[in-house]
Amino acid sequence: MQESFLTKKKVLVFAGTRPEMIKVAPVIRKFKENPSLQTLLVHTGQHDTLADQVLNDFDIQVDCRFSLNRTTNSLSELTSLLLEKTQALYDQQKPDLVLSQGDTTSVFCAGLACFYNRIPFGHIEAGLRTEDIASPFPEEFNRRAVSLFSQLNFCPTKRAQENLLRSGINKDSIFLTGNTVIDSLKYIAEKLKVKSPWIKKDAFNILFTCHRRENFGDKQGQILQAMAELCAQFPQLNVIFPVHPNPEVKKNVSRFFSSVPNMQLIDPLDYKGIVQLLKDCQLTITDSGGLQEEAPFLGVPVVVIREETERQEVIEAGLGVLAGTDKNRILAEVSRFVTEASYHRQFVKHMSPFGDGHASQKILDITLNFFSKA
């Protein structure tokens, strides 16, 4: 017998950035289909336009939206504003469970406010670690802290599961689900019928992204200089760079790429556009966590331009390389992919260490079981 509206369990799902929206979208769809749950999507407001594009791709509506009115880029200010807004929302909605994904400040604040209010919290993509609390910053701290008060830890891989067990997290709270990004990727990829307009037929097409906070400054300069030199050295390259709107990224782009004919600087793409572009490229060079997960599934090798990665499964499975942020090392790694066809082929496996595309259903089943025992 279907439960009445009054007896439904209320679940709030928090997301504020585009990557978060991509990964919670299939969870939202599954949860909203279930008649025993009242599921509300809370948009915490970091990426307004970019996140809304994702919601359009998945035909999802926002139920609650924060207006943060930030005056600075300070993490302290962001944390304060998010905690204030989140507390007010909890007072109003009185949720039975809160879910959030990943490692941003909004995830930390949603979970911390749950701890203060004794509300169960579920962490999607739990257990990722670099073992350096300052890298990535502040994400590594956020995800470690969230693990301390999360009652449901949904791990994308066995390595993530083992990280939590090794750190002393209650084993009964840890579940291996796979990564919801594969659910989203399959949903979108099945709809794509044409090639990306940015692809050039006879070129070696590369998707390049660079936006992470820990790469700002000299590291970003090294990365961008490496890309400029690669474009000059290999005229057959067609590098497509969706430029992140962060001012720290945009201010350096024109300095390095104002006269590089085989570097296409484009506006950020919606999720459908980025999947279409990635699928048609021969390589991706990125500091993005999401692209490290998505590219292997589509058979695209990954060059990771970070000092550490919490997605070490990509490297161990032979799906990509960790090039760091040194200019010379990036040049050496990318040059091998461009010039050695046999080297490139060994990274093209069309597989993913991040699950089978059914993570959202597993998360729903675990949640329903959690409520049945409450």
Protein backbone atom coordinates (compact mmCIF):
# COMPACT_ATOMS: atom_id res chain seq x y z
CA MET A 1 0.00 0.00 0.00
CA GLN A 2 1.42 3.39 -1.00
CA GLU A 3 2.28 5.66 1.91
CA SER A 4 0.38 8.93 2.20
CA PHE A 5 2.14 12.25 1.66
CA LEU A 6 2.20 12.87 5.42
CA THR A 7 4.18 9.69 6.12
CA LYS A 8 6.73 10.10 3.38
CA LYS A 9 10.34 10.41 4.43
CA LYS A 10 11.75 13.79 3.48
CA VAL A 11 15.17 13.78 1.82
CA LEU A 12 17.11 16.94 0.98
CA VAL A 13 19.81 16.60 -1.68
CA PHE A 14 22.41 19.39 -1.71
CA ALA A 15 24.40 20.52 -4.77
CA GLY A 16 25.82 23.85 -5.85
CA THR A 17 28.51 23.35 -8.50
CA ARG A 18 28.16 21.89 -11.96
CA PRO A 19 30.11 18.71 -11.10
CA GLU A 20 27.87 18.14 -8.09
CA MET A 21 24.75 18.58 -10.20
CA ILE A 22 26.03 16.08 -12.75
CA LYS A 23 26.58 13.47 -10.06
CA VAL A 24 23.38 14.02 -8.06
CA ALA A 25 21.13 14.26 -11.14
CA PRO A 26 20.59 10.47 -11.53
CA VAL A 27 20.09 10.17 -7.76
CA ILE A 28 17.43 12.88 -7.83
CA ARG A 29 15.65 11.17 -10.70
CA LYS A 30 15.62 7.79 -8.89
CA PHE A 31 14.53 9.24 -5.56
CA LYS A 32 11.75 11.38 -7.05
CA GLU A 33 10.33 8.29 -8.76
CA ASN A 34 9.91 6.54 -5.40
CA PRO A 35 6.46 7.11 -3.86
CA SER A 36 7.66 6.62 -0.26
CA LEU A 37 10.02 9.61 -0.43
CA GLN A 38 9.60 13.35 -0.69
CA THR A 39 12.85 14.46 -2.32
CA LEU A 40 13.89 18.10 -2.60
CA LEU A 41 16.89 19.42 -4.52
CA VAL A 42 18.71 22.24 -2.72
CA HIS A 43 20.84 24.43 -4.98
CA THR A 44 23.51 26.13 -2.87
CA GLY A 45 24.32 28.62 -5.60
CA GLN A 46 28.05 28.45 -6.42
CA HIS A 47 27.50 27.80 -10.16
CA ASP A 48 24.15 29.27 -11.17
CA THR A 49 24.17 29.15 -14.98
CA LEU A 50 26.49 26.15 -15.33
CA ALA A 51 24.53 24.07 -12.83
CA ASP A 52 21.19 25.02 -14.36
CA GLN A 53 22.40 23.76 -17.75
CA VAL A 54 22.90 20.33 -16.19
CA LEU A 55 19.43 20.37 -14.69
CA ASN A 56 17.97 21.11 -18.12
CA ASP A 57 19.84 18.14 -19.62
CA PHE A 58 18.32 15.82 -16.99
CA ASP A 59 14.88 17.50 -16.84
CA ILE A 60 15.19 18.27 -13.12
CA GLN A 61 13.82 21.25 -11.18
CA VAL A 62 15.36 23.00 -8.17
CA ASP A 63 13.13 22.99 -5.07
CA CYS A 64 15.16 25.32 -2.82
CA ARG A 65 17.78 27.82 -3.99
CA PHE A 66 20.22 29.76 -1.81
CA SER A 67 21.11 33.37 -2.56
CA LEU A 68 24.49 33.81 -0.90
CA ASN A 69 25.28 37.47 -1.73
CA ARG A 70 29.02 36.95 -1.39
CA THR A 71 31.27 40.01 -1.15
CA THR A 72 34.61 38.16 -1.41
CA ASN A 73 36.04 34.82 -2.58
CA SER A 74 36.91 33.94 1.02
CA LEU A 75 36.21 30.36 2.06
CA SER A 76 35.46 31.64 5.56
CA GLU A 77 32.72 33.90 4.25
CA LEU A 78 31.31 31.10 2.08
CA THR A 79 31.28 28.67 5.00
CA SER A 80 29.54 31.19 7.26
CA LEU A 81 26.87 32.01 4.67
CA LEU A 82 26.22 28.36 3.83
CA LEU A 83 25.87 27.32 7.47
CA GLU A 84 23.42 30.15 8.15
CA LYS A 85 21.29 29.31 5.09
CA THR A 86 21.45 25.58 5.77
CA GLN A 87 20.38 25.93 9.40
CA ALA A 88 17.39 28.04 8.37
CA LEU A 89 16.42 25.44 5.77
CA TYR A 90 16.65 22.56 8.25
CA ASP A 91 14.50 24.49 10.71
CA GLN A 92 11.88 24.97 7.99
CA GLN A 93 11.94 21.58 6.26
CA LYS A 94 12.83 19.20 9.13
CA PRO A 95 14.40 16.56 6.86
CA ASP A 96 14.67 12.88 7.75
CA LEU A 97 17.90 12.59 5.75
CA VAL A 98 20.28 14.89 3.90
CA LEU A 99 22.43 13.74 0.98
CA SER A 100 25.31 15.57 -0.64
CA GLN A 101 28.01 14.59 -3.12
CA GLY A 102 31.73 15.11 -3.26
CA ASP A 103 34.04 17.43 -1.41
CA THR A 104 33.09 21.08 -1.78
CA THR A 105 32.45 23.56 1.01
CA SER A 106 28.70 23.14 0.50
CA VAL A 107 29.05 19.40 1.21
CA PHE A 108 30.99 20.12 4.40
CA CYS A 109 28.44 22.70 5.56
CA ALA A 110 25.42 20.50 4.78
CA GLY A 111 26.99 17.66 6.77
CA LEU A 112 28.19 19.81 9.68
CA ALA A 113 24.74 21.35 10.09
CA CYS A 114 23.29 17.83 10.12
CA PHE A 115 25.70 16.88 12.90
CA TYR A 116 24.71 19.94 14.94
CA ASN A 117 21.00 19.12 14.47
CA ARG A 118 21.27 15.31 14.80
CA ILE A 119 19.95 14.77 11.28
CA PRO A 120 21.24 11.67 9.43
CA PHE A 121 23.65 12.57 6.63
CA GLY A 122 24.58 10.51 3.57
CA HIS A 123 27.78 11.18 1.61
CA ILE A 124 27.80 10.31 -2.08
CA GLU A 125 31.31 9.61 -3.42
CA ALA A 126 32.72 8.96 0.04
CA GLY A 127 36.24 7.78 0.80
CA LEU A 128 38.37 9.56 -1.79
CA ARG A 129 41.79 10.48 -0.40
CA THR A 130 45.11 11.93 -1.53
CA GLU A 131 46.58 11.63 2.01
CA ASP A 132 47.68 15.29 1.82
CA ILE A 133 45.16 17.41 3.70
CA ALA A 134 46.18 20.51 1.75
CA SER A 135 45.87 18.97 -1.72
CA PRO A 136 43.43 19.41 -3.23
CA PHE A 137 42.59 22.47 -1.13
CA PRO A 138 40.13 22.65 0.59
CA GLU A 139 38.51 19.50 -0.81
CA GLU A 140 40.71 16.95 0.95
CA PHE A 141 39.86 18.45 4.34
CA ASN A 142 36.16 18.63 3.47
CA ARG A 143 35.82 14.97 2.56
CA ARG A 144 37.84 13.79 5.56
CA ALA A 145 35.71 15.86 7.93
CA VAL A 146 32.43 14.69 6.38
CA SER A 147 33.41 11.06 6.96
CA LEU A 148 33.45 11.70 10.71
CA PHE A 149 29.72 12.44 10.92
CA SER A 150 28.19 10.66 7.90
CA GLN A 151 25.81 7.78 8.72
CA LEU A 152 25.71 6.57 5.10
CA ASN A 153 28.96 6.51 3.12
CA PHE A 154 28.39 5.65 -0.54
CA CYS A 155 31.79 4.66 -1.94
CA PRO A 156 32.50 4.81 -5.68
CA THR A 157 35.30 2.22 -5.64
CA LYS A 158 36.78 -0.50 -3.48
CA ARG A 159 39.80 1.70 -2.82
CA ALA A 160 37.51 4.41 -1.40
CA GLN A 161 35.79 1.79 0.74
CA GLU A 162 39.16 0.59 2.06
CA ASN A 163 40.23 4.17 2.82
CA LEU A 164 37.26 4.58 5.16
CA LEU A 165 37.75 1.21 6.83
CA ARG A 166 41.43 1.96 7.38
CA SER A 167 40.60 5.31 9.00
CA GLY A 168 38.26 3.69 11.52
CA ILE A 169 34.87 4.61 10.06
CA ASN A 170 32.08 2.26 11.19
CA LYS A 171 31.96 -0.56 8.63
CA ASP A 172 28.17 -0.76 8.88
CA SER A 173 27.94 2.78 7.46
CA ILE A 174 30.10 2.01 4.40
CA PHE A 175 28.58 0.83 1.10
CA LEU A 176 30.21 0.12 -2.26
CA THR A 177 27.92 1.59 -4.94
CA GLY A 178 30.03 2.74 -7.86
CA ASN A 179 30.14 6.34 -9.01
CA THR A 180 26.96 8.12 -10.06
CA VAL A 181 28.90 9.94 -12.78
CA ILE A 182 28.78 6.76 -14.87
CA ASP A 183 24.98 6.74 -14.52
CA SER A 184 24.90 10.31 -15.82
CA LEU A 185 27.40 9.64 -18.57
CA LYS A 186 25.45 6.68 -19.93
CA TYR A 187 22.20 8.67 -19.81
CA ILE A 188 23.66 11.53 -21.85
CA ALA A 189 25.94 9.54 -24.19
CA GLU A 190 23.02 7.45 -25.43
CA LYS A 191 21.34 10.64 -26.69
CA LEU A 192 24.29 11.93 -28.72
CA LYS A 193 24.03 11.40 -32.48
CA VAL A 194 26.38 13.97 -34.06
CA LYS A 195 30.01 15.01 -33.63
CA SER A 196 31.04 18.03 -31.60
CA PRO A 197 31.31 21.18 -33.75
CA TRP A 198 34.75 21.88 -32.25
CA ILE A 199 36.30 18.70 -33.66
CA LYS A 200 38.55 18.89 -36.73
CA LYS A 201 38.51 15.83 -38.96
CA ASP A 202 42.22 15.36 -39.72
CA ALA A 203 43.62 16.75 -36.46
CA PHE A 204 44.72 15.19 -33.18
CA ASN A 205 41.89 16.56 -31.03
CA ILE A 206 42.54 17.28 -27.34
CA LEU A 207 40.11 18.44 -24.69
CA PHE A 208 42.02 20.62 -22.20
CA THR A 209 40.70 21.95 -18.89
CA CYS A 210 42.51 23.72 -16.05
CA HIS A 211 40.63 25.33 -13.19
CA ARG A 212 41.47 23.82 -9.78
CA ARG A 213 42.33 26.16 -6.94
CA GLU A 214 45.53 24.32 -5.98
CA ASN A 215 46.91 24.97 -9.49
CA PHE A 216 46.52 28.75 -9.30
CA GLY A 217 49.70 30.80 -9.51
CA ASP A 218 52.99 29.35 -10.72
CA LYS A 219 51.57 25.87 -11.32
CA GLN A 220 48.92 27.22 -13.66
CA GLY A 221 51.61 29.23 -15.45
CA GLN A 222 53.67 26.06 -15.97
CA ILE A 223 50.62 24.20 -17.32
CA LEU A 224 49.55 26.95 -19.72
CA GLN A 225 53.11 27.45 -20.98
CA ALA A 226 53.35 23.71 -21.65
CA MET A 227 50.15 23.80 -23.67
CA ALA A 228 51.34 26.79 -25.71
CA GLU A 229 54.61 25.01 -26.50
CA LEU A 230 52.82 21.79 -27.44
CA CYS A 231 50.60 23.69 -29.88
CA ALA A 232 53.67 25.27 -31.47
CA GLN A 233 55.58 21.97 -31.64
CA PHE A 234 52.70 19.94 -33.09
CA PRO A 235 50.65 21.89 -35.66
CA GLN A 236 48.43 18.83 -36.15
CA LEU A 237 46.95 19.41 -32.69
CA ASN A 238 43.50 20.88 -32.26
CA VAL A 239 43.24 21.80 -28.59
CA ILE A 240 39.80 22.79 -27.33
CA PHE A 241 39.87 24.72 -24.05
CA PRO A 242 36.50 25.53 -22.42
CA VAL A 243 37.66 28.42 -20.25
CA HIS A 244 36.34 28.27 -16.69
CA PRO A 245 34.66 31.53 -15.58
CA ASN A 246 36.85 31.84 -12.46
CA PRO A 247 38.77 35.15 -12.77
CA GLU A 248 42.01 33.44 -11.71
CA VAL A 249 41.75 31.23 -14.79
CA LYS A 250 40.57 33.81 -17.29
CA LYS A 251 43.22 36.41 -16.51
CA ASN A 252 46.08 34.15 -17.72
CA VAL A 253 44.45 32.68 -20.80
CA SER A 254 44.87 35.63 -23.15
CA ARG A 255 48.50 36.07 -22.06
CA PHE A 256 49.45 32.55 -23.15
CA PHE A 257 47.07 31.86 -26.03
CA SER A 258 46.40 35.18 -27.78
CA SER A 259 48.17 34.02 -30.96
CA VAL A 260 47.99 30.22 -30.91
CA PRO A 261 46.05 29.17 -34.01
CA ASN A 262 45.46 25.53 -32.99
CA MET A 263 44.09 26.40 -29.54
CA GLN A 264 40.33 27.01 -29.53
CA LEU A 265 39.26 29.06 -26.51
CA ILE A 266 35.54 28.52 -26.00
CA ASP A 267 32.93 29.32 -23.38
CA PRO A 268 32.09 26.61 -20.83
CA LEU A 269 29.91 23.91 -22.37
CA ASP A 270 26.81 22.34 -20.91
CA TYR A 271 27.17 18.73 -19.80
CA LYS A 272 25.80 17.34 -23.04
CA GLY A 273 28.29 19.45 -24.98
CA ILE A 274 31.27 18.39 -22.89
CA VAL A 275 30.37 14.69 -23.17
CA GLN A 276 29.97 15.04 -26.92
CA LEU A 277 33.33 16.82 -27.20
CA LEU A 278 35.13 14.34 -24.94
CA LYS A 279 33.75 11.36 -26.86
CA ASP A 280 35.18 12.70 -30.12
CA CYS A 281 38.67 13.60 -28.82
CA GLN A 282 41.81 11.48 -28.90
CA LEU A 283 43.09 12.73 -25.53
CA THR A 284 42.10 14.85 -22.54
CA ILE A 285 44.52 16.92 -20.45
CA THR A 286 42.82 17.95 -17.26
CA ASP A 287 42.86 18.73 -13.56
CA SER A 288 39.14 17.91 -13.35
CA GLY A 289 38.03 15.04 -11.15
CA GLY A 290 34.95 14.35 -13.26
CA LEU A 291 36.82 14.07 -16.56
CA GLN A 292 39.21 11.55 -14.99
CA GLU A 293 36.15 9.38 -14.36
CA GLU A 294 34.30 10.00 -17.62
CA ALA A 295 37.09 9.78 -20.19
CA PRO A 296 38.07 6.10 -19.60
CA PHE A 297 34.46 4.97 -20.06
CA LEU A 298 34.49 6.68 -23.48
CA GLY A 299 37.91 5.25 -24.41
CA VAL A 300 39.80 8.55 -24.11
CA PRO A 301 43.23 8.52 -22.38
CA VAL A 302 43.76 11.05 -19.58
CA VAL A 303 46.78 13.17 -18.74
CA VAL A 304 46.19 14.42 -15.20
CA ILE A 305 47.82 17.80 -14.54
CA ARG A 306 47.88 17.64 -10.75
CA GLU A 307 50.50 16.67 -8.18
CA GLU A 308 48.20 14.03 -6.66
CA THR A 309 44.93 12.43 -7.64
CA GLU A 310 42.32 10.87 -5.39
CA ARG A 311 41.26 8.83 -8.41
CA GLN A 312 44.34 6.66 -8.46
CA GLU A 313 42.27 3.85 -9.99
CA VAL A 314 42.63 5.58 -13.37
CA ILE A 315 46.41 5.43 -13.21
CA GLU A 316 46.57 1.89 -11.82
CA ALA A 317 44.23 0.56 -14.52
CA GLY A 318 46.42 2.02 -17.28
CA LEU A 319 43.78 4.51 -18.39
CA GLY A 320 45.85 7.64 -17.90
CA VAL A 321 49.04 9.16 -16.52
CA LEU A 322 49.73 11.56 -13.65
CA ALA A 323 51.88 14.27 -15.22
CA GLY A 324 51.98 16.75 -12.35
CA THR A 325 52.27 20.48 -13.04
CA ASP A 326 55.88 20.77 -14.21
CA LYS A 327 56.07 22.13 -17.75
CA ASN A 328 58.75 19.72 -18.97
CA ARG A 329 57.02 16.64 -17.65
CA ILE A 330 53.70 17.66 -19.22
CA LEU A 331 55.50 18.21 -22.54
CA ALA A 332 57.11 14.77 -22.34
CA GLU A 333 53.93 12.91 -21.41
CA VAL A 334 51.68 14.55 -24.00
CA SER A 335 54.30 14.23 -26.75
CA ARG A 336 54.28 10.44 -26.33
CA PHE A 337 50.52 10.28 -26.85
CA VAL A 338 50.78 12.46 -29.97
CA THR A 339 53.77 10.77 -31.62
CA GLU A 340 53.57 7.10 -30.55
CA ALA A 341 50.39 5.44 -31.83
CA SER A 342 51.12 2.18 -30.01
CA TYR A 343 51.57 4.05 -26.72
CA HIS A 344 48.25 5.85 -27.23
CA ARG A 345 46.41 2.61 -28.07
CA GLN A 346 47.36 0.89 -24.83
CA PHE A 347 45.34 3.49 -22.87
CA VAL A 348 42.16 3.09 -24.96
CA LYS A 349 40.14 0.42 -23.14
CA HIS A 350 36.52 1.65 -23.07
CA MET A 351 36.10 0.60 -19.46
CA SER A 352 35.67 2.26 -16.11
CA PRO A 353 36.90 1.42 -12.62
CA PHE A 354 34.03 3.52 -11.28
CA GLY A 355 31.07 1.19 -11.60
CA ASP A 356 28.42 -0.17 -13.92
CA GLY A 357 26.02 2.76 -14.24
CA HIS A 358 23.62 1.55 -11.52
CA ALA A 359 25.02 3.49 -8.56
CA SER A 360 21.88 5.60 -8.13
CA GLN A 361 19.64 2.56 -7.78
CA LYS A 362 22.02 1.09 -5.20
CA ILE A 363 21.99 4.35 -3.23
CA LEU A 364 18.18 4.37 -3.28
CA ASP A 365 17.98 0.75 -2.10
CA ILE A 366 20.43 1.40 0.75
CA THR A 367 18.51 4.51 1.79
CA LEU A 368 15.17 2.69 1.87
CA ASN A 369 16.74 -0.04 3.97
CA PHE A 370 18.15 2.61 6.32
CA PHE A 371 14.68 4.09 6.80
CA SER A 372 13.13 0.68 7.37
CA LYS A 373 15.48 0.11 10.32
CA ALA A 374 15.17 3.61 11.81
